């Protein structure tokens, strides 16, 4: 597969925001499915230069990266961060808590692109949209004020898509805002699972408790898999590739995952486990230490 800007962004984030292009290439080779170009490092360097206005190869798209001359070390282009919200004065009186709001701050972040035309075409294909989870119809509740209103939910989370991925109309679901928020709040809940909860014969409360009691989260399943893997190896070190090759099938079965990108979900969970100190990233070859 080609070296994409999305893969480079993910690698740079994992490597702390700054790394030599050779190390970026090594990280991508270890943590992403191949095959890759014969010279991955050269491909990484080319993509970096295409998104850096200091180079002739710049394609006049996002000016995302910068580097010191001839160092080979690249980083995200710097910006001045906004003043932290904690610096704003806070007032309290007998009426309770008060805080200053309304100040303009500049925030910069990376997000996966969405195609608004896809959502428009999806909504246009619905003659009288009802929520696919609870059945709510806005026109019935609000009259002409709510006619045609519904939200489009990506069954495959946009955050899990890689650059170049395609989304079909069948990959979207019509949801009211409440059901939409509940599904995202309880990720990886599916539309069908929420429908079952809301229409359970014994009531959604009993169903929800039973479901929660039987469900294993991705974090729990990955920790269980890591424990099995390091026990079989006889040491606390492991790699993402070993986890995918030896444990991914068991993880997917344990969480009853229905998504089509389990390896990307696994990568997200590994980052979450790093953030809370459960595992440690020990080198640029994709090796971790289980604590």
C-alpha atoms as a PDB file:
ATOM      1  CA  UNK A   1       0.000   0.000   0.000  1.00  0.00           C
ATOM      2  CA  UNK A   2       1.259   3.569  -0.546  1.00  0.00           C
ATOM      3  CA  UNK A   3       2.657   5.692   2.270  1.00  0.00           C
ATOM      4  CA  UNK A   4      -0.117   8.203   2.953  1.00  0.00           C
ATOM      5  CA  UNK A   5      -0.134  11.466   4.890  1.00  0.00           C
ATOM      6  CA  UNK A   6      -2.597   9.878   7.318  1.00  0.00           C
ATOM      7  CA  UNK A   7      -0.103   7.109   8.164  1.00  0.00           C
ATOM      8  CA  UNK A   8       2.623   9.724   8.698  1.00  0.00           C
ATOM      9  CA  UNK A   9       0.376  11.780  11.000  1.00  0.00           C
ATOM     10  CA  UNK A  10      -0.452   8.687  13.077  1.00  0.00           C
ATOM     11  CA  UNK A  11       3.242   7.742  13.270  1.00  0.00           C
ATOM     12  CA  UNK A  12       4.362  11.229  14.298  1.00  0.00           C
ATOM     13  CA  UNK A  13       1.740  11.377  17.042  1.00  0.00           C
ATOM     14  CA  UNK A  14       2.865   7.982  18.359  1.00  0.00           C
ATOM     15  CA  UNK A  15       6.524   9.059  18.227  1.00  0.00           C
ATOM     16  CA  UNK A  16       5.897  12.188  20.273  1.00  0.00           C
ATOM     17  CA  UNK A  17       5.371  14.732  17.490  1.00  0.00           C
ATOM     18  CA  UNK A  18       8.955  14.753  16.174  1.00  0.00           C
ATOM     19  CA  UNK A  19      11.065  12.035  14.533  1.00  0.00           C
ATOM     20  CA  UNK A  20      13.581  11.299  11.765  1.00  0.00           C
ATOM     21  CA  UNK A  21      11.865  10.255   8.535  1.00  0.00           C
ATOM     22  CA  UNK A  22      13.650   6.873   8.728  1.00  0.00           C
ATOM     23  CA  UNK A  23      12.054   6.252  12.135  1.00  0.00           C
ATOM     24  CA  UNK A  24       8.659   7.343  10.801  1.00  0.00           C
ATOM     25  CA  UNK A  25       9.015   4.816   7.974  1.00  0.00           C
ATOM     26  CA  UNK A  26      10.026   2.044  10.408  1.00  0.00           C
ATOM     27  CA  UNK A  27       7.032   2.770  12.627  1.00  0.00           C
ATOM     28  CA  UNK A  28       4.637   2.639   9.661  1.00  0.00           C
ATOM     29  CA  UNK A  29       6.125  -0.648   8.412  1.00  0.00           C
ATOM     30  CA  UNK A  30       5.718  -2.253  11.843  1.00  0.00           C
ATOM     31  CA  UNK A  31       2.291  -0.876  12.737  1.00  0.00           C
ATOM     32  CA  UNK A  32       0.426  -0.777   9.412  1.00  0.00           C
ATOM     33  CA  UNK A  33      -0.515  -3.504   6.928  1.00  0.00           C
ATOM     34  CA  UNK A  34       1.722  -3.761   3.854  1.00  0.00           C
ATOM     35  CA  UNK A  35       3.022  -4.244   1.304  1.00  0.00           C
ATOM     36  CA  UNK A  36       4.953  -0.976   1.177  1.00  0.00           C
ATOM     37  CA  UNK A  37       7.083   0.734  -1.490  1.00  0.00           C
ATOM     38  CA  UNK A  38      10.588  -0.659  -1.938  1.00  0.00           C
ATOM     39  CA  UNK A  39      12.072   2.442  -0.236  1.00  0.00           C
ATOM     40  CA  UNK A  40       9.553   3.401   2.459  1.00  0.00           C
ATOM     41  CA  UNK A  41      11.826   6.090   3.922  1.00  0.00           C
ATOM     42  CA  UNK A  42      12.062   7.869   0.574  1.00  0.00           C
ATOM     43  CA  UNK A  43       8.292   7.706   0.195  1.00  0.00           C
ATOM     44  CA  UNK A  44       7.815   9.180   3.683  1.00  0.00           C
ATOM     45  CA  UNK A  45      10.259  11.986   2.903  1.00  0.00           C
ATOM     46  CA  UNK A  46       8.414  12.769  -0.360  1.00  0.00           C
ATOM     47  CA  UNK A  47       5.020  12.962   1.394  1.00  0.00           C
ATOM     48  CA  UNK A  48       6.502  15.226   4.097  1.00  0.00           C
ATOM     49  CA  UNK A  49       7.954  17.599   1.498  1.00  0.00           C
ATOM     50  CA  UNK A  50       4.622  17.723  -0.364  1.00  0.00           C
ATOM     51  CA  UNK A  51       3.021  19.110   2.812  1.00  0.00           C
ATOM     52  CA  UNK A  52       5.840  21.539   3.691  1.00  0.00           C
ATOM     53  CA  UNK A  53       5.876  25.002   2.090  1.00  0.00           C
ATOM     54  CA  UNK A  54       9.671  25.218   2.471  1.00  0.00           C
ATOM     55  CA  UNK A  55      10.163  22.722  -0.380  1.00  0.00           C
ATOM     56  CA  UNK A  56       9.662  22.962  -4.146  1.00  0.00           C
ATOM     57  CA  UNK A  57       7.674  19.714  -3.979  1.00  0.00           C
ATOM     58  CA  UNK A  58       4.982  21.473  -1.874  1.00  0.00           C
ATOM     59  CA  UNK A  59       1.541  20.773  -3.385  1.00  0.00           C
ATOM     60  CA  UNK A  60      -0.135  23.846  -1.876  1.00  0.00           C
ATOM     61  CA  UNK A  61      -2.435  21.765   0.321  1.00  0.00           C
ATOM     62  CA  UNK A  62      -2.166  21.686   4.125  1.00  0.00           C
ATOM     63  CA  UNK A  63       1.173  23.126   5.262  1.00  0.00           C
ATOM     64  CA  UNK A  64       1.498  20.489   7.978  1.00  0.00           C
ATOM     65  CA  UNK A  65       5.179  19.733   8.590  1.00  0.00           C
ATOM     66  CA  UNK A  66       8.545  21.429   9.075  1.00  0.00           C
ATOM     67  CA  UNK A  67      12.185  20.344   9.406  1.00  0.00           C
ATOM     68  CA  UNK A  68      15.640  21.697  10.157  1.00  0.00           C
ATOM     69  CA  UNK A  69      17.858  21.896   7.063  1.00  0.00           C
ATOM     70  CA  UNK A  70      19.519  18.556   6.263  1.00  0.00           C
ATOM     71  CA  UNK A  71      18.677  17.089   9.696  1.00  0.00           C
ATOM     72  CA  UNK A  72      16.092  14.591   8.477  1.00  0.00           C
ATOM     73  CA  UNK A  73      14.081  15.260  11.631  1.00  0.00           C
ATOM     74  CA  UNK A  74      10.493  16.308  10.987  1.00  0.00           C
ATOM     75  CA  UNK A  75       7.754  17.658  13.247  1.00  0.00           C
ATOM     76  CA  UNK A  76       4.287  19.158  12.988  1.00  0.00           C
ATOM     77  CA  UNK A  77       4.536  22.823  11.979  1.00  0.00           C
ATOM     78  CA  UNK A  78       4.527  24.854  15.182  1.00  0.00           C
ATOM     79  CA  UNK A  79       1.837  27.267  16.254  1.00  0.00           C
ATOM     80  CA  UNK A  80       1.237  29.441  19.307  1.00  0.00           C
ATOM     81  CA  UNK A  81      -1.073  27.526  21.661  1.00  0.00           C
ATOM     82  CA  UNK A  82      -3.983  29.388  23.236  1.00  0.00           C
ATOM     83  CA  UNK A  83      -3.864  30.468  26.848  1.00  0.00           C
ATOM     84  CA  UNK A  84      -5.127  27.634  29.051  1.00  0.00           C
ATOM     85  CA  UNK A  85      -8.669  27.972  30.303  1.00  0.00           C
ATOM     86  CA  UNK A  86      -7.357  27.601  33.848  1.00  0.00           C
ATOM     87  CA  UNK A  87      -5.713  31.018  33.475  1.00  0.00           C
ATOM     88  CA  UNK A  88      -9.115  32.715  33.225  1.00  0.00           C
ATOM     89  CA  UNK A  89     -10.333  34.250  36.487  1.00  0.00           C
ATOM     90  CA  UNK A  90     -13.051  32.310  38.257  1.00  0.00           C
ATOM     91  CA  UNK A  91     -15.543  33.892  40.601  1.00  0.00           C
ATOM     92  CA  UNK A  92     -17.700  32.326  43.273  1.00  0.00           C
ATOM     93  CA  UNK A  93     -20.446  33.891  45.332  1.00  0.00           C
ATOM     94  CA  UNK A  94     -23.405  32.762  47.369  1.00  0.00           C
ATOM     95  CA  UNK A  95     -25.339  31.985  44.190  1.00  0.00           C
ATOM     96  CA  UNK A  96     -22.822  29.269  43.277  1.00  0.00           C
ATOM     97  CA  UNK A  97     -20.099  28.773  40.698  1.00  0.00           C
ATOM     98  CA  UNK A  98     -19.365  31.329  37.982  1.00  0.00           C
ATOM     99  CA  UNK A  99     -16.737  31.398  35.242  1.00  0.00           C
ATOM    100  CA  UNK A 100     -15.819  33.724  32.396  1.00  0.00           C
ATOM    101  CA  UNK A 101     -16.806  32.476  28.952  1.00  0.00           C
ATOM    102  CA  UNK A 102     -16.930  33.867  25.441  1.00  0.00           C
ATOM    103  CA  UNK A 103     -13.212  34.593  24.897  1.00  0.00           C
ATOM    104  CA  UNK A 104     -11.918  33.825  21.393  1.00  0.00           C
ATOM    105  CA  UNK A 105      -9.204  31.149  21.367  1.00  0.00           C
ATOM    106  CA  UNK A 106      -7.408  29.492  18.445  1.00  0.00           C
ATOM    107  CA  UNK A 107      -7.473  25.711  18.461  1.00  0.00           C
ATOM    108  CA  UNK A 108      -5.633  23.506  15.965  1.00  0.00           C
ATOM    109  CA  UNK A 109      -6.163  19.779  15.536  1.00  0.00           C
ATOM    110  CA  UNK A 110      -6.192  17.054  12.912  1.00  0.00           C
ATOM    111  CA  UNK A 111      -9.493  15.450  11.881  1.00  0.00           C
ATOM    112  CA  UNK A 112     -10.506  12.841   9.344  1.00  0.00           C
ATOM    113  CA  UNK A 113     -12.176  14.428   6.335  1.00  0.00           C
ATOM    114  CA  UNK A 114     -15.911  13.928   5.762  1.00  0.00           C
ATOM    115  CA  UNK A 115     -17.784  14.335   2.488  1.00  0.00           C
ATOM    116  CA  UNK A 116     -20.880  16.537   3.016  1.00  0.00           C
ATOM    117  CA  UNK A 117     -22.259  15.476  -0.396  1.00  0.00           C
ATOM    118  CA  UNK A 118     -22.438  11.870   0.816  1.00  0.00           C
ATOM    119  CA  UNK A 119     -24.574  12.876   3.808  1.00  0.00           C
ATOM    120  CA  UNK A 120     -26.785  15.078   1.605  1.00  0.00           C
ATOM    121  CA  UNK A 121     -27.378  12.247  -0.868  1.00  0.00           C
ATOM    122  CA  UNK A 122     -28.145   9.861   1.986  1.00  0.00           C
ATOM    123  CA  UNK A 123     -30.747  12.179   3.521  1.00  0.00           C
ATOM    124  CA  UNK A 124     -32.264  12.858   0.080  1.00  0.00           C
ATOM    125  CA  UNK A 125     -32.750   9.109  -0.357  1.00  0.00           C
ATOM    126  CA  UNK A 126     -35.035   9.007   2.714  1.00  0.00           C
ATOM    127  CA  UNK A 127     -38.642   9.846   1.815  1.00  0.00           C
ATOM    128  CA  UNK A 128     -39.873  10.309   5.391  1.00  0.00           C
ATOM    129  CA  UNK A 129     -36.933   9.760   7.748  1.00  0.00           C
ATOM    130  CA  UNK A 130     -37.461   7.914  11.015  1.00  0.00           C
ATOM    131  CA  UNK A 131     -34.754   7.165  13.556  1.00  0.00           C
ATOM    132  CA  UNK A 132     -33.549   3.615  12.898  1.00  0.00           C
ATOM    133  CA  UNK A 133     -33.072   3.010  16.622  1.00  0.00           C
ATOM    134  CA  UNK A 134     -36.114   4.505  18.374  1.00  0.00           C
ATOM    135  CA  UNK A 135     -38.442   5.270  15.431  1.00  0.00           C
ATOM    136  CA  UNK A 136     -38.804   8.980  16.244  1.00  0.00           C
ATOM    137  CA  UNK A 137     -40.116  11.127  13.375  1.00  0.00           C
ATOM    138  CA  UNK A 138     -39.462  14.868  13.550  1.00  0.00           C
ATOM    139  CA  UNK A 139     -42.349  15.844  11.272  1.00  0.00           C
ATOM    140  CA  UNK A 140     -44.815  13.969  13.448  1.00  0.00           C
ATOM    141  CA  UNK A 141     -43.524  15.761  16.567  1.00  0.00           C
ATOM    142  CA  UNK A 142     -42.837  19.270  15.189  1.00  0.00           C
ATOM    143  CA  UNK A 143     -44.891  19.485  12.020  1.00  0.00           C
ATOM    144  CA  UNK A 144     -43.279  21.323   9.103  1.00  0.00           C
ATOM    145  CA  UNK A 145     -40.589  22.687  11.450  1.00  0.00           C
ATOM    146  CA  UNK A 146     -39.116  19.190  11.642  1.00  0.00           C
ATOM    147  CA  UNK A 147     -39.978  17.923   8.165  1.00  0.00           C
ATOM    148  CA  UNK A 148     -37.099  15.957   6.644  1.00  0.00           C
ATOM    149  CA  UNK A 149     -34.762  16.415   9.621  1.00  0.00           C
ATOM    150  CA  UNK A 150     -32.558  13.497  10.700  1.00  0.00           C
ATOM    151  CA  UNK A 151     -28.865  12.910  11.418  1.00  0.00           C
ATOM    152  CA  UNK A 152     -26.563  10.613   9.450  1.00  0.00           C
ATOM    153  CA  UNK A 153     -24.531   8.170  11.519  1.00  0.00           C
ATOM    154  CA  UNK A 154     -21.405   6.453  10.149  1.00  0.00           C
ATOM    155  CA  UNK A 155     -21.646   2.759  11.007  1.00  0.00           C
ATOM    156  CA  UNK A 156     -17.892   2.601  10.492  1.00  0.00           C
ATOM    157  CA  UNK A 157     -16.490   5.434  12.675  1.00  0.00           C
ATOM    158  CA  UNK A 158     -14.775   8.123  10.601  1.00  0.00           C
ATOM    159  CA  UNK A 159     -11.912   8.156  13.101  1.00  0.00           C
ATOM    160  CA  UNK A 160     -11.136   4.541  12.186  1.00  0.00           C
ATOM    161  CA  UNK A 161     -10.921   5.211   8.428  1.00  0.00           C
ATOM    162  CA  UNK A 162      -7.596   5.618   6.663  1.00  0.00           C
ATOM    163  CA  UNK A 163      -6.784   8.052   3.878  1.00  0.00           C
ATOM    164  CA  UNK A 164      -8.339   6.819   0.634  1.00  0.00           C
ATOM    165  CA  UNK A 165     -11.132   4.838   2.331  1.00  0.00           C
ATOM    166  CA  UNK A 166     -14.559   4.986   0.692  1.00  0.00           C
ATOM    167  CA  UNK A 167     -17.983   5.207   2.321  1.00  0.00           C
ATOM    168  CA  UNK A 168     -21.225   4.026   0.694  1.00  0.00           C
ATOM    169  CA  UNK A 169     -24.769   5.174   1.413  1.00  0.00           C
ATOM    170  CA  UNK A 170     -25.352   1.744   2.979  1.00  0.00           C
ATOM    171  CA  UNK A 171     -22.605   2.575   5.508  1.00  0.00           C
ATOM    172  CA  UNK A 172     -24.819   5.339   6.969  1.00  0.00           C
ATOM    173  CA  UNK A 173     -27.798   5.100   9.319  1.00  0.00           C
ATOM    174  CA  UNK A 174     -30.590   7.603  10.041  1.00  0.00           C
ATOM    175  CA  UNK A 175     -30.658   8.542  13.730  1.00  0.00           C
ATOM    176  CA  UNK A 176     -32.279  11.191  15.906  1.00  0.00           C
ATOM    177  CA  UNK A 177     -29.744  13.304  17.863  1.00  0.00           C
ATOM    178  CA  UNK A 178     -30.450  11.509  21.150  1.00  0.00           C
ATOM    179  CA  UNK A 179     -29.840   8.015  19.778  1.00  0.00           C
ATOM    180  CA  UNK A 180     -26.846   9.322  17.816  1.00  0.00           C
ATOM    181  CA  UNK A 181     -25.225  10.659  20.995  1.00  0.00           C
ATOM    182  CA  UNK A 182     -26.040   7.536  22.999  1.00  0.00           C
ATOM    183  CA  UNK A 183     -24.389   5.288  20.410  1.00  0.00           C
ATOM    184  CA  UNK A 184     -21.213   7.382  20.352  1.00  0.00           C
ATOM    185  CA  UNK A 185     -21.210   7.617  24.148  1.00  0.00           C
ATOM    186  CA  UNK A 186     -21.358   3.817  24.386  1.00  0.00           C
ATOM    187  CA  UNK A 187     -18.970   2.995  21.505  1.00  0.00           C
ATOM    188  CA  UNK A 188     -18.673   0.373  20.019  1.00  0.00           C
ATOM    189  CA  UNK A 189     -22.466   0.053  20.335  1.00  0.00           C
ATOM    190  CA  UNK A 190     -24.216  -0.515  16.989  1.00  0.00           C
ATOM    191  CA  UNK A 191     -27.579   0.786  15.755  1.00  0.00           C
ATOM    192  CA  UNK A 192     -29.011  -2.745  15.962  1.00  0.00           C
ATOM    193  CA  UNK A 193     -27.858  -3.106  19.571  1.00  0.00           C
ATOM    194  CA  UNK A 194     -29.540   0.163  20.573  1.00  0.00           C
ATOM    195  CA  UNK A 195     -32.732  -0.902  18.763  1.00  0.00           C
ATOM    196  CA  UNK A 196     -32.716  -4.176  20.727  1.00  0.00           C
ATOM    197  CA  UNK A 197     -32.267  -2.270  23.983  1.00  0.00           C
ATOM    198  CA  UNK A 198     -35.117   0.148  23.287  1.00  0.00           C
ATOM    199  CA  UNK A 199     -37.471  -2.629  22.148  1.00  0.00           C
ATOM    200  CA  UNK A 200     -36.560  -5.308  24.700  1.00  0.00           C
ATOM    201  CA  UNK A 201     -39.714  -7.129  25.957  1.00  0.00           C
ATOM    202  CA  UNK A 202     -38.673  -6.772  29.611  1.00  0.00           C
ATOM    203  CA  UNK A 203     -37.750  -3.114  29.294  1.00  0.00           C
ATOM    204  CA  UNK A 204     -34.551  -1.378  28.281  1.00  0.00           C
ATOM    205  CA  UNK A 205     -33.250  -1.023  31.856  1.00  0.00           C
ATOM    206  CA  UNK A 206     -33.087  -4.798  32.431  1.00  0.00           C
ATOM    207  CA  UNK A 207     -31.669  -5.381  28.955  1.00  0.00           C
ATOM    208  CA  UNK A 208     -29.019  -2.688  29.472  1.00  0.00           C
ATOM    209  CA  UNK A 209     -27.855  -4.168  32.760  1.00  0.00           C
ATOM    210  CA  UNK A 210     -27.685  -7.661  31.293  1.00  0.00           C
ATOM    211  CA  UNK A 211     -25.812  -6.404  28.257  1.00  0.00           C
ATOM    212  CA  UNK A 212     -23.313  -4.432  30.324  1.00  0.00           C
ATOM    213  CA  UNK A 213     -22.735  -7.416  32.582  1.00  0.00           C
ATOM    214  CA  UNK A 214     -21.962  -9.715  29.649  1.00  0.00           C
ATOM    215  CA  UNK A 215     -20.061  -7.251  27.461  1.00  0.00           C
ATOM    216  CA  UNK A 216     -16.272  -7.149  27.523  1.00  0.00           C
ATOM    217  CA  UNK A 217     -14.789  -3.793  26.522  1.00  0.00           C
ATOM    218  CA  UNK A 218     -11.995  -3.453  24.005  1.00  0.00           C
ATOM    219  CA  UNK A 219      -9.622  -2.299  26.751  1.00  0.00           C
ATOM    220  CA  UNK A 220     -10.389  -5.377  28.875  1.00  0.00           C
ATOM    221  CA  UNK A 221     -10.107  -7.737  25.911  1.00  0.00           C
ATOM    222  CA  UNK A 222      -6.788  -6.241  24.766  1.00  0.00           C
ATOM    223  CA  UNK A 223      -5.358  -6.419  28.298  1.00  0.00           C
ATOM    224  CA  UNK A 224      -6.462 -10.070  28.516  1.00  0.00           C
ATOM    225  CA  UNK A 225      -4.838 -10.760  25.143  1.00  0.00           C
ATOM    226  CA  UNK A 226      -1.575  -9.040  26.125  1.00  0.00           C
ATOM    227  CA  UNK A 227      -1.504 -11.066  29.343  1.00  0.00           C
ATOM    228  CA  UNK A 228      -1.941 -14.307  27.393  1.00  0.00           C
ATOM    229  CA  UNK A 229       0.704 -13.296  24.861  1.00  0.00           C
ATOM    230  CA  UNK A 230       3.453 -12.314  27.336  1.00  0.00           C
ATOM    231  CA  UNK A 231       2.711 -15.415  29.419  1.00  0.00           C
ATOM    232  CA  UNK A 232       3.215 -17.622  26.377  1.00  0.00           C
ATOM    233  CA  UNK A 233       6.450 -15.785  25.492  1.00  0.00           C
ATOM    234  CA  UNK A 234       7.830 -15.834  29.035  1.00  0.00           C
ATOM    235  CA  UNK A 235       8.662 -12.113  29.020  1.00  0.00           C
ATOM    236  CA  UNK A 236       6.830  -8.784  29.393  1.00  0.00           C
ATOM    237  CA  UNK A 237       7.723  -7.445  25.934  1.00  0.00           C
ATOM    238  CA  UNK A 238       5.433  -7.750  22.923  1.00  0.00           C
ATOM    239  CA  UNK A 239       4.741  -6.033  19.600  1.00  0.00           C
ATOM    240  CA  UNK A 240       1.550  -4.863  17.952  1.00  0.00           C
ATOM    241  CA  UNK A 241       2.207  -7.313  15.093  1.00  0.00           C
ATOM    242  CA  UNK A 242       2.444 -10.247  17.521  1.00  0.00           C
ATOM    243  CA  UNK A 243      -0.813  -9.150  19.118  1.00  0.00           C
ATOM    244  CA  UNK A 244      -2.558  -9.027  15.725  1.00  0.00           C
ATOM    245  CA  UNK A 245      -1.099 -12.317  14.480  1.00  0.00           C
ATOM    246  CA  UNK A 246      -1.755 -14.314  17.670  1.00  0.00           C
ATOM    247  CA  UNK A 247      -4.626 -12.687  19.540  1.00  0.00           C
ATOM    248  CA  UNK A 248      -6.811 -10.519  17.277  1.00  0.00           C
ATOM    249  CA  UNK A 249      -9.310 -13.294  16.511  1.00  0.00           C
ATOM    250  CA  UNK A 250      -9.838 -13.930  20.242  1.00  0.00           C
ATOM    251  CA  UNK A 251     -10.172 -10.177  20.954  1.00  0.00           C
ATOM    252  CA  UNK A 252     -12.826  -9.708  18.265  1.00  0.00           C
ATOM    253  CA  UNK A 253     -14.777 -12.695  19.539  1.00  0.00           C
ATOM    254  CA  UNK A 254     -14.537 -11.527  23.147  1.00  0.00           C
ATOM    255  CA  UNK A 255     -15.925  -8.031  22.454  1.00  0.00           C
ATOM    256  CA  UNK A 256     -18.358  -9.326  19.821  1.00  0.00           C
ATOM    257  CA  UNK A 257     -17.022  -6.658  17.474  1.00  0.00           C
ATOM    258  CA  UNK A 258     -18.971  -6.015  14.281  1.00  0.00           C
ATOM    259  CA  UNK A 259     -16.691  -3.328  12.863  1.00  0.00           C
ATOM    260  CA  UNK A 260     -14.647  -3.894   9.704  1.00  0.00           C
ATOM    261  CA  UNK A 261     -11.416  -2.323  11.008  1.00  0.00           C
ATOM    262  CA  UNK A 262     -10.447  -4.198  14.209  1.00  0.00           C
ATOM    263  CA  UNK A 263      -6.709  -3.596  13.715  1.00  0.00           C
ATOM    264  CA  UNK A 264      -7.288   0.173  13.804  1.00  0.00           C
ATOM    265  CA  UNK A 265      -9.426  -0.141  16.928  1.00  0.00           C
ATOM    266  CA  UNK A 266      -6.618  -2.193  18.464  1.00  0.00           C
ATOM    267  CA  UNK A 267      -4.142   0.602  17.688  1.00  0.00           C
ATOM    268  CA  UNK A 268      -6.427   3.149  19.370  1.00  0.00           C
ATOM    269  CA  UNK A 269      -6.734   0.968  22.470  1.00  0.00           C
ATOM    270  CA  UNK A 270      -2.953   0.515  22.656  1.00  0.00           C
ATOM    271  CA  UNK A 271      -2.586   4.310  22.673  1.00  0.00           C
ATOM    272  CA  UNK A 272      -5.184   4.532  25.467  1.00  0.00           C
ATOM    273  CA  UNK A 273      -3.332   1.887  27.487  1.00  0.00           C
ATOM    274  CA  UNK A 274      -0.073   3.823  26.998  1.00  0.00           C
ATOM    275  CA  UNK A 275      -1.751   7.011  28.206  1.00  0.00           C
ATOM    276  CA  UNK A 276      -2.856   5.409  31.494  1.00  0.00           C
ATOM    277  CA  UNK A 277       0.465   3.623  32.049  1.00  0.00           C
ATOM    278  CA  UNK A 278      -0.667   0.030  31.488  1.00  0.00           C
ATOM    279  CA  UNK A 279       1.904  -0.471  28.717  1.00  0.00           C
ATOM    280  CA  UNK A 280       5.057   1.388  27.662  1.00  0.00           C
ATOM    281  CA  UNK A 281       6.311   2.023  24.109  1.00  0.00           C
ATOM    282  CA  UNK A 282       9.998   1.013  24.315  1.00  0.00           C
ATOM    283  CA  UNK A 283      11.364   1.494  20.786  1.00  0.00           C
ATOM    284  CA  UNK A 284      10.518   2.571  17.227  1.00  0.00           C
ATOM    285  CA  UNK A 285      10.122  -1.036  16.070  1.00  0.00           C
ATOM    286  CA  UNK A 286       6.648  -1.266  17.552  1.00  0.00           C
ATOM    287  CA  UNK A 287       7.654  -3.060  20.760  1.00  0.00           C
ATOM    288  CA  UNK A 288       5.820  -2.516  24.042  1.00  0.00           C
ATOM    289  CA  UNK A 289       6.458  -3.417  27.676  1.00  0.00           C
ATOM    290  CA  UNK A 290       3.485  -4.789  29.628  1.00  0.00           C
ATOM    291  CA  UNK A 291       3.487  -3.469  33.196  1.00  0.00           C
END
